[in-house]
Each structure stands twice: as C-alpha cells, then as structure tokens.
PDB file of N, CA and C in Angstrom:
ATOM      1  N   MET A   1       0.827  -1.187   0.000  1.00  0.00           N
ATOM      2  CA  MET A   1       0.000   0.000   0.000  1.00  0.00           C
ATOM      3  C   MET A   1       0.875   1.256   0.000  1.00  0.00           C
ATOM      4  N   ILE A   2       1.870   1.291   0.874  1.00  0.00           N
ATOM      5  CA  ILE A   2       2.764   2.435   0.949  1.00  0.00           C
ATOM      6  C   ILE A   2       3.594   2.525  -0.319  1.00  0.00           C
ATOM      7  N   GLN A   3       4.036   1.370  -0.843  1.00  0.00           N
ATOM      8  CA  GLN A   3       4.828   1.377  -2.070  1.00  0.00           C
ATOM      9  C   GLN A   3       4.010   1.926  -3.243  1.00  0.00           C
ATOM     10  N   LYS A   4       2.739   1.588  -3.285  1.00  0.00           N
ATOM     11  CA  LYS A   4       1.863   2.069  -4.349  1.00  0.00           C
ATOM     12  C   LYS A   4       1.730   3.594  -4.256  1.00  0.00           C
ATOM     13  N   GLY A   5       1.613   4.110  -3.068  1.00  0.00           N
ATOM     14  CA  GLY A   5       1.506   5.559  -2.846  1.00  0.00           C
ATOM     15  C   GLY A   5       2.782   6.279  -3.243  1.00  0.00           C
ATOM     16  N   ILE A   6       3.920   5.694  -2.885  1.00  0.00           N
ATOM     17  CA  ILE A   6       5.207   6.287  -3.241  1.00  0.00           C
ATOM     18  C   ILE A   6       5.377   6.279  -4.760  1.00  0.00           C
ATOM     19  N   PHE A   7       5.013   5.174  -5.392  1.00  0.00           N
ATOM     20  CA  PHE A   7       5.116   5.078  -6.847  1.00  0.00           C
ATOM     21  C   PHE A   7       4.230   6.119  -7.526  1.00  0.00           C
ATOM     22  N   THR A   8       3.009   6.277  -7.042  1.00  0.00           N
ATOM     23  CA  THR A   8       2.078   7.259  -7.605  1.00  0.00           C
ATOM     24  C   THR A   8       2.622   8.673  -7.434  1.00  0.00           C
ATOM     25  N   LEU A   9       3.147   8.965  -6.260  1.00  0.00           N
ATOM     26  CA  LEU A   9       3.721  10.278  -5.992  1.00  0.00           C
ATOM     27  C   LEU A   9       4.909  10.548  -6.909  1.00  0.00           C
ATOM     28  N   ALA A  10       5.777   9.556  -7.075  1.00  0.00           N
ATOM     29  CA  ALA A  10       6.940   9.708  -7.950  1.00  0.00           C
ATOM     30  C   ALA A  10       6.503   9.932  -9.395  1.00  0.00           C
ATOM     31  N   ALA A  11       5.495   9.205  -9.842  1.00  0.00           N
ATOM     32  CA  ALA A  11       4.996   9.373 -11.213  1.00  0.00           C
ATOM     33  C   ALA A  11       4.405  10.767 -11.412  1.00  0.00           C
ATOM     34  N   LEU A  12       3.668  11.260 -10.448  1.00  0.00           N
ATOM     35  CA  LEU A  12       3.090  12.606 -10.538  1.00  0.00           C
ATOM     36  C   LEU A  12       4.184  13.675 -10.561  1.00  0.00           C
ATOM     37  N   MET A  13       5.202  13.495  -9.738  1.00  0.00           N
ATOM     38  CA  MET A  13       6.301  14.462  -9.714  1.00  0.00           C
ATOM     39  C   MET A  13       7.027  14.476 -11.058  1.00  0.00           C
ATOM     40  N   LEU A  14       7.283  13.304 -11.610  1.00  0.00           N
ATOM     41  CA  LEU A  14       7.957  13.213 -12.897  1.00  0.00           C
ATOM     42  C   LEU A  14       7.125  13.884 -13.982  1.00  0.00           C
ATOM     43  N   LEU A  15       5.841  13.649 -13.981  1.00  0.00           N
ATOM     44  CA  LEU A  15       4.944  14.246 -14.960  1.00  0.00           C
ATOM     45  C   LEU A  15       4.912  15.767 -14.818  1.00  0.00           C
ATOM     46  N   SER A  16       4.869  16.265 -13.591  1.00  0.00           N
ATOM     47  CA  SER A  16       4.820  17.722 -13.390  1.00  0.00           C
ATOM     48  C   SER A  16       6.138  18.374 -13.791  1.00  0.00           C
ATOM     49  N   PHE A  17       7.275  17.732 -13.534  1.00  0.00           N
ATOM     50  CA  PHE A  17       8.565  18.273 -13.945  1.00  0.00           C
ATOM     51  C   PHE A  17       8.668  18.333 -15.460  1.00  0.00           C
ATOM     52  N   THR A  18       8.190  17.302 -16.132  1.00  0.00           N
ATOM     53  CA  THR A  18       8.223  17.266 -17.592  1.00  0.00           C
ATOM     54  C   THR A  18       7.357  18.383 -18.161  1.00  0.00           C
ATOM     55  N   THR A  19       6.170  18.560 -17.635  1.00  0.00           N
ATOM     56  CA  THR A  19       5.266  19.606 -18.099  1.00  0.00           C
ATOM     57  C   THR A  19       5.878  20.971 -17.848  1.00  0.00           C
ATOM     58  N   PHE A  20       6.464  21.183 -16.686  1.00  0.00           N
ATOM     59  CA  PHE A  20       7.080  22.463 -16.350  1.00  0.00           C
ATOM     60  C   PHE A  20       8.238  22.770 -17.290  1.00  0.00           C
ATOM     61  N   ALA A  21       9.026  21.764 -17.608  1.00  0.00           N
ATOM     62  CA  ALA A  21      10.189  21.960 -18.473  1.00  0.00           C
ATOM     63  C   ALA A  21       9.779  22.334 -19.890  1.00  0.00           C
ATOM     64  N   GLN A  22       8.596  21.891 -20.324  1.00  0.00           N
ATOM     65  CA  GLN A  22       8.147  22.169 -21.671  1.00  0.00           C
ATOM     66  C   GLN A  22       7.367  23.470 -21.783  1.00  0.00           C
ATOM     67  N   ALA A  23       7.054  24.115 -20.680  1.00  0.00           N
ATOM     68  CA  ALA A  23       6.289  25.357 -20.715  1.00  0.00           C
ATOM     69  C   ALA A  23       7.085  26.434 -21.446  1.00  0.00           C
ATOM     70  N   LYS A  24       6.383  27.205 -22.279  1.00  0.00           N
ATOM     71  CA  LYS A  24       7.047  28.271 -23.037  1.00  0.00           C
ATOM     72  C   LYS A  24       7.269  29.460 -22.127  1.00  0.00           C
ATOM     73  N   LYS A  25       8.416  30.070 -22.304  1.00  0.00           N
ATOM     74  CA  LYS A  25       8.737  31.259 -21.515  1.00  0.00           C
ATOM     75  C   LYS A  25       8.130  32.475 -22.184  1.00  0.00           C
ATOM     76  N   GLU A  26       7.526  33.320 -21.399  1.00  0.00           N
ATOM     77  CA  GLU A  26       7.049  34.610 -21.881  1.00  0.00           C
ATOM     78  C   GLU A  26       8.213  35.575 -21.840  1.00  0.00           C
ATOM     79  N   PRO A  27       8.355  36.410 -22.868  1.00  0.00           N
ATOM     80  CA  PRO A  27       9.425  37.413 -22.800  1.00  0.00           C
ATOM     81  C   PRO A  27       9.221  38.305 -21.578  1.00  0.00           C
ATOM     82  N   ASN A  28      10.287  38.603 -20.911  1.00  0.00           N
ATOM     83  CA  ASN A  28      10.238  39.411 -19.705  1.00  0.00           C
ATOM     84  C   ASN A  28      10.027  40.880 -20.080  1.00  0.00           C
ATOM     85  N   PRO A  29       8.887  41.486 -19.680  1.00  0.00           N
ATOM     86  CA  PRO A  29       8.604  42.879 -20.056  1.00  0.00           C
ATOM     87  C   PRO A  29       9.643  43.867 -19.529  1.00  0.00           C
ATOM     88  N   GLU A  30      10.195  43.597 -18.349  1.00  0.00           N
ATOM     89  CA  GLU A  30      11.207  44.504 -17.804  1.00  0.00           C
ATOM     90  C   GLU A  30      12.476  44.479 -18.648  1.00  0.00           C
ATOM     91  N   LYS A  31      12.893  43.288 -19.050  1.00  0.00           N
ATOM     92  CA  LYS A  31      14.098  43.171 -19.873  1.00  0.00           C
ATOM     93  C   LYS A  31      13.868  43.798 -21.246  1.00  0.00           C
ATOM     94  N   ARG A  32      12.670  43.615 -21.778  1.00  0.00           N
ATOM     95  CA  ARG A  32      12.347  44.211 -23.075  1.00  0.00           C
ATOM     96  C   ARG A  32      12.402  45.735 -22.974  1.00  0.00           C
ATOM     97  N   ALA A  33      11.817  46.289 -21.911  1.00  0.00           N
ATOM     98  CA  ALA A  33      11.833  47.745 -21.702  1.00  0.00           C
ATOM     99  C   ALA A  33      13.267  48.251 -21.546  1.00  0.00           C
ATOM    100  N   GLU A  34      14.092  47.509 -20.819  1.00  0.00           N
ATOM    101  CA  GLU A  34      15.499  47.886 -20.650  1.00  0.00           C
ATOM    102  C   GLU A  34      16.232  47.876 -21.995  1.00  0.00           C
ATOM    103  N   ARG A  35      15.950  46.853 -22.802  1.00  0.00           N
ATOM    104  CA  ARG A  35      16.591  46.742 -24.111  1.00  0.00           C
ATOM    105  C   ARG A  35      16.188  47.918 -24.997  1.00  0.00           C
ATOM    106  N   ILE A  36      14.908  48.267 -24.974  1.00  0.00           N
ATOM    107  CA  ILE A  36      14.423  49.390 -25.781  1.00  0.00           C
ATOM    108  C   ILE A  36      15.058  50.697 -25.303  1.00  0.00           C
ATOM    109  N   GLU A  37      15.110  50.903 -23.989  1.00  0.00           N
ATOM    110  CA  GLU A  37      15.730  52.118 -23.447  1.00  0.00           C
ATOM    111  C   GLU A  37      17.208  52.209 -23.820  1.00  0.00           C
ATOM    112  N   LYS A  38      17.884  51.082 -23.787  1.00  0.00           N
ATOM    113  CA  LYS A  38      19.306  51.060 -24.163  1.00  0.00           C
ATOM    114  C   LYS A  38      19.457  51.447 -25.633  1.00  0.00           C
ATOM    115  N   MET A  39      18.566  50.949 -26.485  1.00  0.00           N
ATOM    116  CA  MET A  39      18.637  51.297 -27.904  1.00  0.00           C
ATOM    117  C   MET A  39      18.368  52.789 -28.110  1.00  0.00           C
ATOM    118  N   VAL A  40      17.405  53.344 -27.375  1.00  0.00           N
ATOM    119  CA  VAL A  40      17.103  54.779 -27.467  1.00  0.00           C
ATOM    120  C   VAL A  40      18.357  55.580 -27.128  1.00  0.00           C
ATOM    121  N   THR A  41      19.037  55.164 -26.072  1.00  0.00           N
ATOM    122  CA  THR A  41      20.267  55.853 -25.652  1.00  0.00           C
ATOM    123  C   THR A  41      21.382  55.656 -26.681  1.00  0.00           C
ATOM    124  N   ASP A  42      21.604  54.413 -27.095  1.00  0.00           N
ATOM    125  CA  ASP A  42      22.679  54.112 -28.047  1.00  0.00           C
ATOM    126  C   ASP A  42      22.466  54.812 -29.387  1.00  0.00           C
ATOM    127  N   LEU A  43      21.194  54.965 -29.795  1.00  0.00           N
ATOM    128  CA  LEU A  43      20.891  55.611 -31.075  1.00  0.00           C
ATOM    129  C   LEU A  43      20.820  57.130 -30.950  1.00  0.00           C
ATOM    130  N   ASN A  44      20.898  57.609 -29.703  1.00  0.00           N
ATOM    131  CA  ASN A  44      20.864  59.048 -29.436  1.00  0.00           C
ATOM    132  C   ASN A  44      19.592  59.688 -30.011  1.00  0.00           C
ATOM    133  N   LEU A  45      18.441  59.117 -29.669  1.00  0.00           N
ATOM    134  CA  LEU A  45      17.165  59.597 -30.203  1.00  0.00           C
ATOM    135  C   LEU A  45      16.648  60.780 -29.391  1.00  0.00           C
ATOM    136  N   ASP A  46      16.043  61.744 -30.099  1.00  0.00           N
ATOM    137  CA  ASP A  46      15.400  62.845 -29.387  1.00  0.00           C
ATOM    138  C   ASP A  46      14.084  62.329 -28.802  1.00  0.00           C
ATOM    139  N   GLU A  47      13.434  63.147 -28.002  1.00  0.00           N
ATOM    140  CA  GLU A  47      12.255  62.691 -27.262  1.00  0.00           C
ATOM    141  C   GLU A  47      11.124  62.216 -28.178  1.00  0.00           C
ATOM    142  N   ALA A  48      10.831  62.982 -29.221  1.00  0.00           N
ATOM    143  CA  ALA A  48       9.736  62.618 -30.134  1.00  0.00           C
ATOM    144  C   ALA A  48      10.046  61.317 -30.870  1.00  0.00           C
ATOM    145  N   THR A  49      11.272  61.193 -31.364  1.00  0.00           N
ATOM    146  CA  THR A  49      11.670  59.978 -32.077  1.00  0.00           C
ATOM    147  C   THR A  49      11.691  58.785 -31.130  1.00  0.00           C
ATOM    148  N   ALA A  50      12.157  59.004 -29.905  1.00  0.00           N
ATOM    149  CA  ALA A  50      12.197  57.924 -28.914  1.00  0.00           C
ATOM    150  C   ALA A  50      10.786  57.419 -28.615  1.00  0.00           C
ATOM    151  N   THR A  51       9.831  58.335 -28.488  1.00  0.00           N
ATOM    152  CA  THR A  51       8.446  57.948 -28.212  1.00  0.00           C
ATOM    153  C   THR A  51       7.892  57.100 -29.354  1.00  0.00           C
ATOM    154  N   SER A  52       8.130  57.541 -30.590  1.00  0.00           N
ATOM    155  CA  SER A  52       7.664  56.781 -31.757  1.00  0.00           C
ATOM    156  C   SER A  52       8.350  55.423 -31.840  1.00  0.00           C
ATOM    157  N   PHE A  53       9.652  55.400 -31.569  1.00  0.00           N
ATOM    158  CA  PHE A  53      10.423  54.157 -31.596  1.00  0.00           C
ATOM    159  C   PHE A  53       9.865  53.157 -30.585  1.00  0.00           C
ATOM    160  N   LYS A  54       9.630  53.634 -29.377  1.00  0.00           N
ATOM    161  CA  LYS A  54       9.091  52.762 -28.323  1.00  0.00           C
ATOM    162  C   LYS A  54       7.722  52.224 -28.710  1.00  0.00           C
ATOM    163  N   GLN A  55       6.891  53.068 -29.318  1.00  0.00           N
ATOM    164  CA  GLN A  55       5.547  52.644 -29.715  1.00  0.00           C
ATOM    165  C   GLN A  55       5.622  51.560 -30.788  1.00  0.00           C
ATOM    166  N   ILE A  56       6.508  51.737 -31.763  1.00  0.00           N
ATOM    167  CA  ILE A  56       6.680  50.722 -32.817  1.00  0.00           C
ATOM    168  C   ILE A  56       7.113  49.395 -32.198  1.00  0.00           C
ATOM    169  N   GLU A  57       8.077  49.447 -31.283  1.00  0.00           N
ATOM    170  CA  GLU A  57       8.551  48.226 -30.621  1.00  0.00           C
ATOM    171  C   GLU A  57       7.440  47.551 -29.818  1.00  0.00           C
ATOM    172  N   GLU A  58       6.711  48.328 -29.030  1.00  0.00           N
ATOM    173  CA  GLU A  58       5.638  47.755 -28.200  1.00  0.00           C
ATOM    174  C   GLU A  58       4.519  47.187 -29.058  1.00  0.00           C
ATOM    175  N   ASP A  59       4.174  47.869 -30.146  1.00  0.00           N
ATOM    176  CA  ASP A  59       3.143  47.346 -31.058  1.00  0.00           C
ATOM    177  C   ASP A  59       3.586  46.017 -31.661  1.00  0.00           C
ATOM    178  N   PHE A  60       4.861  45.955 -32.042  1.00  0.00           N
ATOM    179  CA  PHE A  60       5.392  44.722 -32.610  1.00  0.00           C
ATOM    180  C   PHE A  60       5.282  43.565 -31.609  1.00  0.00           C
ATOM    181  N   PHE A  61       5.713  43.801 -30.374  1.00  0.00           N
ATOM    182  CA  PHE A  61       5.679  42.728 -29.379  1.00  0.00           C
ATOM    183  C   PHE A  61       4.250  42.298 -29.058  1.00  0.00           C
ATOM    184  N   ALA A  62       3.315  43.240 -29.037  1.00  0.00           N
ATOM    185  CA  ALA A  62       1.913  42.888 -28.783  1.00  0.00           C
ATOM    186  C   ALA A  62       1.363  42.032 -29.917  1.00  0.00           C
ATOM    187  N   LYS A  63       1.648  42.422 -31.162  1.00  0.00           N
ATOM    188  CA  LYS A  63       1.172  41.649 -32.316  1.00  0.00           C
ATOM    189  C   LYS A  63       1.844  40.280 -32.372  1.00  0.00           C
ATOM    190  N   ALA A  64       3.137  40.229 -32.058  1.00  0.00           N
ATOM    191  CA  ALA A  64       3.863  38.958 -32.072  1.00  0.00           C
ATOM    192  C   ALA A  64       3.312  38.016 -31.001  1.00  0.00           C
ATOM    193  N   LYS A  65       3.009  38.556 -29.837  1.00  0.00           N
ATOM    194  CA  LYS A  65       2.457  37.727 -28.757  1.00  0.00           C
ATOM    195  C   LYS A  65       1.096  37.170 -29.168  1.00  0.00           C
ATOM    196  N   GLU A  66       0.284  38.016 -29.782  1.00  0.00           N
ATOM    197  CA  GLU A  66      -1.028  37.589 -30.256  1.00  0.00           C
ATOM    198  C   GLU A  66      -0.884  36.499 -31.320  1.00  0.00           C
ATOM    199  N   LEU A  67       0.061  36.676 -32.217  1.00  0.00           N
ATOM    200  CA  LEU A  67       0.297  35.695 -33.271  1.00  0.00           C
ATOM    201  C   LEU A  67       0.780  34.368 -32.699  1.00  0.00           C
ATOM    202  N   ARG A  68       1.669  34.426 -31.720  1.00  0.00           N
ATOM    203  CA  ARG A  68       2.184  33.194 -31.109  1.00  0.00           C
ATOM    204  C   ARG A  68       1.087  32.409 -30.390  1.00  0.00           C
ATOM    205  N   ALA A  69       0.067  33.107 -29.924  1.00  0.00           N
ATOM    206  CA  ALA A  69      -1.018  32.443 -29.200  1.00  0.00           C
ATOM    207  C   ALA A  69      -1.995  31.747 -30.146  1.00  0.00           C
ATOM    208  N   GLN A  70      -1.945  32.088 -31.417  1.00  0.00           N
ATOM    209  CA  GLN A  70      -2.859  31.484 -32.385  1.00  0.00           C
ATOM    210  C   GLN A  70      -2.477  30.042 -32.675  1.00  0.00           C
ATOM    211  N   GLU A  71      -3.486  29.271 -33.012  1.00  0.00           N
ATOM    212  CA  GLU A  71      -3.270  27.864 -33.363  1.00  0.00           C
ATOM    213  C   GLU A  71      -2.991  27.779 -34.861  1.00  0.00           C
ATOM    214  N   LEU A  72      -1.736  27.958 -35.225  1.00  0.00           N
ATOM    215  CA  LEU A  72      -1.308  27.871 -36.622  1.00  0.00           C
ATOM    216  C   LEU A  72      -0.186  26.852 -36.732  1.00  0.00           C
ATOM    217  N   GLU A  73       0.031  26.389 -37.946  1.00  0.00           N
ATOM    218  CA  GLU A  73       1.167  25.500 -38.158  1.00  0.00           C
ATOM    219  C   GLU A  73       2.446  26.295 -37.948  1.00  0.00           C
ATOM    220  N   ARG A  74       3.463  25.612 -37.527  1.00  0.00           N
ATOM    221  CA  ARG A  74       4.742  26.253 -37.215  1.00  0.00           C
ATOM    222  C   ARG A  74       5.263  27.089 -38.390  1.00  0.00           C
ATOM    223  N   SER A  75       5.212  26.552 -39.598  1.00  0.00           N
ATOM    224  CA  SER A  75       5.728  27.273 -40.771  1.00  0.00           C
ATOM    225  C   SER A  75       4.892  28.523 -41.045  1.00  0.00           C
ATOM    226  N   GLU A  76       3.591  28.433 -40.875  1.00  0.00           N
ATOM    227  CA  GLU A  76       2.704  29.582 -41.072  1.00  0.00           C
ATOM    228  C   GLU A  76       3.001  30.676 -40.049  1.00  0.00           C
ATOM    229  N   LYS A  77       3.174  30.264 -38.812  1.00  0.00           N
ATOM    230  CA  LYS A  77       3.508  31.215 -37.747  1.00  0.00           C
ATOM    231  C   LYS A  77       4.837  31.905 -38.037  1.00  0.00           C
ATOM    232  N   ARG A  78       5.817  31.120 -38.452  1.00  0.00           N
ATOM    233  CA  ARG A  78       7.144  31.647 -38.755  1.00  0.00           C
ATOM    234  C   ARG A  78       7.062  32.686 -39.874  1.00  0.00           C
ATOM    235  N   GLU A  79       6.305  32.380 -40.926  1.00  0.00           N
ATOM    236  CA  GLU A  79       6.167  33.315 -42.051  1.00  0.00           C
ATOM    237  C   GLU A  79       5.470  34.604 -41.617  1.00  0.00           C
ATOM    238  N   GLN A  80       4.433  34.481 -40.802  1.00  0.00           N
ATOM    239  CA  GLN A  80       3.719  35.676 -40.353  1.00  0.00           C
ATOM    240  C   GLN A  80       4.581  36.520 -39.414  1.00  0.00           C
ATOM    241  N   LEU A  81       5.360  35.866 -38.557  1.00  0.00           N
ATOM    242  CA  LEU A  81       6.269  36.605 -37.678  1.00  0.00           C
ATOM    243  C   LEU A  81       7.350  37.316 -38.495  1.00  0.00           C
ATOM    244  N   LYS A  82       7.833  36.651 -39.536  1.00  0.00           N
ATOM    245  CA  LYS A  82       8.848  37.254 -40.396  1.00  0.00           C
ATOM    246  C   LYS A  82       8.275  38.493 -41.092  1.00  0.00           C
ATOM    247  N   ALA A  83       7.029  38.399 -41.579  1.00  0.00           N
ATOM    248  CA  ALA A  83       6.382  39.542 -42.226  1.00  0.00           C
ATOM    249  C   ALA A  83       6.178  40.686 -41.230  1.00  0.00           C
ATOM    250  N   LEU A  84       5.818  40.340 -40.024  1.00  0.00           N
ATOM    251  CA  LEU A  84       5.634  41.337 -38.961  1.00  0.00           C
ATOM    252  C   LEU A  84       6.957  42.038 -38.656  1.00  0.00           C
ATOM    253  N   GLN A  85       8.035  41.263 -38.591  1.00  0.00           N
ATOM    254  CA  GLN A  85       9.368  41.817 -38.338  1.00  0.00           C
ATOM    255  C   GLN A  85       9.791  42.742 -39.472  1.00  0.00           C
ATOM    256  N   THR A  86       9.523  42.344 -40.706  1.00  0.00           N
ATOM    257  CA  THR A  86       9.875  43.163 -41.865  1.00  0.00           C
ATOM    258  C   THR A  86       9.115  44.487 -41.834  1.00  0.00           C
ATOM    259  N   ALA A  87       7.832  44.441 -41.508  1.00  0.00           N
ATOM    260  CA  ALA A  87       7.028  45.661 -41.416  1.00  0.00           C
ATOM    261  C   ALA A  87       7.563  46.582 -40.319  1.00  0.00           C
ATOM    262  N   LYS A  88       7.957  45.996 -39.188  1.00  0.00           N
ATOM    263  CA  LYS A  88       8.529  46.794 -38.094  1.00  0.00           C
ATOM    264  C   LYS A  88       9.821  47.455 -38.546  1.00  0.00           C
ATOM    265  N   ASP A  89      10.676  46.701 -39.222  1.00  0.00           N
ATOM    266  CA  ASP A  89      11.947  47.245 -39.698  1.00  0.00           C
ATOM    267  C   ASP A  89      11.722  48.397 -40.680  1.00  0.00           C
ATOM    268  N   GLU A  90      10.706  48.280 -41.531  1.00  0.00           N
ATOM    269  CA  GLU A  90      10.400  49.352 -42.484  1.00  0.00           C
ATOM    270  C   GLU A  90       9.950  50.619 -41.744  1.00  0.00           C
ATOM    271  N   GLN A  91       9.125  50.445 -40.713  1.00  0.00           N
ATOM    272  CA  GLN A  91       8.684  51.597 -39.922  1.00  0.00           C
ATOM    273  C   GLN A  91       9.870  52.274 -39.235  1.00  0.00           C
ATOM    274  N   ILE A  92      10.754  51.461 -38.685  1.00  0.00           N
ATOM    275  CA  ILE A  92      11.934  51.993 -37.989  1.00  0.00           C
ATOM    276  C   ILE A  92      12.833  52.724 -38.986  1.00  0.00           C
ATOM    277  N   LYS A  93      12.990  52.165 -40.187  1.00  0.00           N
ATOM    278  CA  LYS A  93      13.843  52.777 -41.201  1.00  0.00           C
ATOM    279  C   LYS A  93      13.304  54.157 -41.592  1.00  0.00           C
ATOM    280  N   GLU A  94      11.986  54.271 -41.700  1.00  0.00           N
ATOM    281  CA  GLU A  94      11.370  55.560 -42.024  1.00  0.00           C
ATOM    282  C   GLU A  94      11.564  56.564 -40.886  1.00  0.00           C
ATOM    283  N   LEU A  95      11.571  56.090 -39.662  1.00  0.00           N
ATOM    284  CA  LEU A  95      11.664  56.952 -38.493  1.00  0.00           C
ATOM    285  C   LEU A  95      13.079  57.492 -38.263  1.00  0.00           C
ATOM    286  N   LEU A  96      14.071  56.628 -38.434  1.00  0.00           N
ATOM    287  CA  LEU A  96      15.457  56.980 -38.103  1.00  0.00           C
ATOM    288  C   LEU A  96      16.199  57.570 -39.297  1.00  0.00           C
ATOM    289  N   SER A  97      17.279  58.270 -38.990  1.00  0.00           N
ATOM    290  CA  SER A  97      18.177  58.740 -40.047  1.00  0.00           C
ATOM    291  C   SER A  97      18.932  57.520 -40.579  1.00  0.00           C
ATOM    292  N   ASP A  98      19.598  57.680 -41.722  1.00  0.00           N
ATOM    293  CA  ASP A  98      20.360  56.566 -42.297  1.00  0.00           C
ATOM    294  C   ASP A  98      21.428  56.071 -41.324  1.00  0.00           C
ATOM    295  N   GLU A  99      22.100  57.019 -40.670  1.00  0.00           N
ATOM    296  CA  GLU A  99      23.154  56.673 -39.711  1.00  0.00           C
ATOM    297  C   GLU A  99      22.570  55.921 -38.504  1.00  0.00           C
ATOM    298  N   GLN A 100      21.454  56.407 -37.981  1.00  0.00           N
ATOM    299  CA  GLN A 100      20.807  55.754 -36.839  1.00  0.00           C
ATOM    300  C   GLN A 100      20.311  54.363 -37.220  1.00  0.00           C
ATOM    301  N   TYR A 101      19.760  54.240 -38.428  1.00  0.00           N
ATOM    302  CA  TYR A 101      19.244  52.937 -38.856  1.00  0.00           C
ATOM    303  C   TYR A 101      20.378  51.927 -39.011  1.00  0.00           C
ATOM    304  N   ALA A 102      21.510  52.376 -39.539  1.00  0.00           N
ATOM    305  CA  ALA A 102      22.664  51.481 -39.673  1.00  0.00           C
ATOM    306  C   ALA A 102      23.104  50.986 -38.287  1.00  0.00           C
ATOM    307  N   LYS A 103      23.129  51.889 -37.324  1.00  0.00           N
ATOM    308  CA  LYS A 103      23.502  51.505 -35.960  1.00  0.00           C
ATOM    309  C   LYS A 103      22.443  50.582 -35.355  1.00  0.00           C
ATOM    310  N   TYR A 104      21.172  50.866 -35.630  1.00  0.00           N
ATOM    311  CA  TYR A 104      20.063  50.016 -35.162  1.00  0.00           C
ATOM    312  C   TYR A 104      20.259  48.585 -35.657  1.00  0.00           C
ATOM    313  N   GLN A 105      20.614  48.437 -36.929  1.00  0.00           N
ATOM    314  CA  GLN A 105      20.826  47.101 -37.491  1.00  0.00           C
ATOM    315  C   GLN A 105      22.002  46.392 -36.810  1.00  0.00           C
ATOM    316  N   GLU A 106      23.046  47.137 -36.489  1.00  0.00           N
ATOM    317  CA  GLU A 106      24.191  46.546 -35.786  1.00  0.00           C
ATOM    318  C   GLU A 106      23.790  46.054 -34.395  1.00  0.00           C
ATOM    319  N   LEU A 107      22.882  46.790 -33.753  1.00  0.00           N
ATOM    320  CA  LEU A 107      22.474  46.452 -32.386  1.00  0.00           C
ATOM    321  C   LEU A 107      21.480  45.300 -32.326  1.00  0.00           C
ATOM    322  N   GLN A 108      20.866  44.978 -33.457  1.00  0.00           N
ATOM    323  CA  GLN A 108      19.876  43.908 -33.480  1.00  0.00           C
ATOM    324  C   GLN A 108      20.547  42.549 -33.317  1.00  0.00           C
ATOM    325  N   PRO A 109      19.927  41.674 -32.518  1.00  0.00           N
ATOM    326  CA  PRO A 109      20.471  40.315 -32.434  1.00  0.00           C
ATOM    327  C   PRO A 109      20.304  39.629 -33.785  1.00  0.00           C
ATOM    328  N   LYS A 110      21.223  38.783 -34.117  1.00  0.00           N
ATOM    329  CA  LYS A 110      21.151  38.066 -35.388  1.00  0.00           C
ATOM    330  C   LYS A 110      19.960  37.122 -35.354  1.00  0.00           C
ATOM    331  N   ARG A 111      19.077  37.272 -36.314  1.00  0.00           N
ATOM    332  CA  ARG A 111      17.887  36.418 -36.381  1.00  0.00           C
ATOM    333  C   ARG A 111      18.214  35.130 -37.110  1.00  0.00           C
ATOM    334  N   GLY A 112      17.545  34.079 -36.712  1.00  0.00           N
ATOM    335  CA  GLY A 112      17.715  32.808 -37.394  1.00  0.00           C
ATOM    336  C   GLY A 112      18.852  31.967 -36.852  1.00  0.00           C
ATOM    337  N   LYS A 113      19.686  32.529 -36.026  1.00  0.00           N
ATOM    338  CA  LYS A 113      20.797  31.774 -35.437  1.00  0.00           C
ATOM    339  C   LYS A 113      20.348  31.273 -34.076  1.00  0.00           C
ATOM    340  N   ARG A 114      20.528  30.017 -33.844  1.00  0.00           N
ATOM    341  CA  ARG A 114      20.150  29.440 -32.558  1.00  0.00           C
ATOM    342  C   ARG A 114      21.379  29.274 -31.691  1.00  0.00           C
ATOM    343  N   LYS A 115      21.203  29.605 -30.422  1.00  0.00           N
ATOM    344  CA  LYS A 115      22.287  29.384 -29.466  1.00  0.00           C
ATOM    345  C   LYS A 115      22.232  27.928 -29.050  1.00  0.00           C
ATOM    346  N   GLY A 116      23.368  27.321 -29.001  1.00  0.00           N
ATOM    347  CA  GLY A 116      23.408  25.922 -28.570  1.00  0.00           C
ATOM    348  C   GLY A 116      22.911  25.011 -29.679  1.00  0.00           C
ATOM    349  N   LYS A 117      22.917  23.755 -29.394  1.00  0.00           N
ATOM    350  CA  LYS A 117      22.473  22.779 -30.388  1.00  0.00           C
ATOM    351  C   LYS A 117      21.300  22.006 -29.843  1.00  0.00           C
ATOM    352  N   ARG A 118      20.424  21.650 -30.723  1.00  0.00           N
ATOM    353  CA  ARG A 118      19.289  20.817 -30.340  1.00  0.00           C
ATOM    354  C   ARG A 118      19.521  19.422 -30.887  1.00  0.00           C
ATOM    355  N   GLY A 119      18.894  18.491 -30.259  1.00  0.00           N
ATOM    356  CA  GLY A 119      19.020  17.118 -30.725  1.00  0.00           C
ATOM    357  C   GLY A 119      18.176  16.904 -31.970  1.00  0.00           C
ATOM    358  N   GLY A 120      18.762  16.324 -32.968  1.00  0.00           N
ATOM    359  CA  GLY A 120      18.023  15.967 -34.169  1.00  0.00           C
ATOM    360  C   GLY A 120      17.852  17.129 -35.130  1.00  0.00           C
ATOM    361  N   LYS A 121      17.513  16.770 -36.348  1.00  0.00           N
ATOM    362  CA  LYS A 121      17.306  17.753 -37.396  1.00  0.00           C
ATOM    363  C   LYS A 121      15.822  17.976 -37.569  1.00  0.00           C
ATOM    364  N   ARG A 122      15.461  19.228 -37.835  1.00  0.00           N
ATOM    365  CA  ARG A 122      14.052  19.529 -38.094  1.00  0.00           C
ATOM    366  C   ARG A 122      13.867  19.749 -39.573  1.00  0.00           C
ATOM    367  N   SER A 123      12.723  19.339 -40.047  1.00  0.00           N
ATOM    368  CA  SER A 123      12.439  19.567 -41.473  1.00  0.00           C
ATOM    369  C   SER A 123      11.182  20.341 -41.654  1.00  0.00           C
TER     370      SER A 123
END
C-alpha cells in the first residue's frame, strides 16, 4: 500500500517536472523595456523619435504575442512573424536617419541563429 503511494507520488512528480520543463517562456517585459531604453540611448534619439520608436517596438511585441497564441502551423507562424518583423523594420527605417538605422541594425540580435544545439534535425 505504501509502495503504491510512493510510486504514484513519484509518477506525478515526474509528470509535473516534464510539463514544467516544456512550458514556453514569456518574454520578460522589464528586460524588453530595458533593451528598448538602451537602444534609445545608443541611437541618441530625441524625445519625439524615442516615443515613436518605443511605440513601434511595443506594437510589434503585442502583435507577435497575439500571433504566437494562435493555433497555426509552425511554418505559417514563422512566415507571419517574419512579415511582422519586416514591417517593423520598415517603420523603424522611415523613423530613423540613415546613420541611426545602420547603428540600429548593428544592435539587433542576429535572427535565425540558434544558441546551442538541439538534438536531431528539423524539417
């Protein structure tokens, strides 16, 4: 009887750890705000441009979050996120000077590159 209880408890713990490990992380809003503020400073934006820049970034993250929550195939989601990113980049390019935009591109993390390696190949 006690062994059955211990086994059940161990199975539940294993199941909960597996579920927890697979949970998707939400982007941290504080870190995102810090990153945006750092870019505003690094790009030397005036107040009006900084406000517009922040709004474009926040709109992008809200739309991306909404898109990620949708039940779409992975490839469809990826294509829509890519289109969303391209639209954001176009808005930013219109907002910034050529020099600021070049620096903005340098500050952007490289997209499509994964840190670390995953097991197996995806197709």
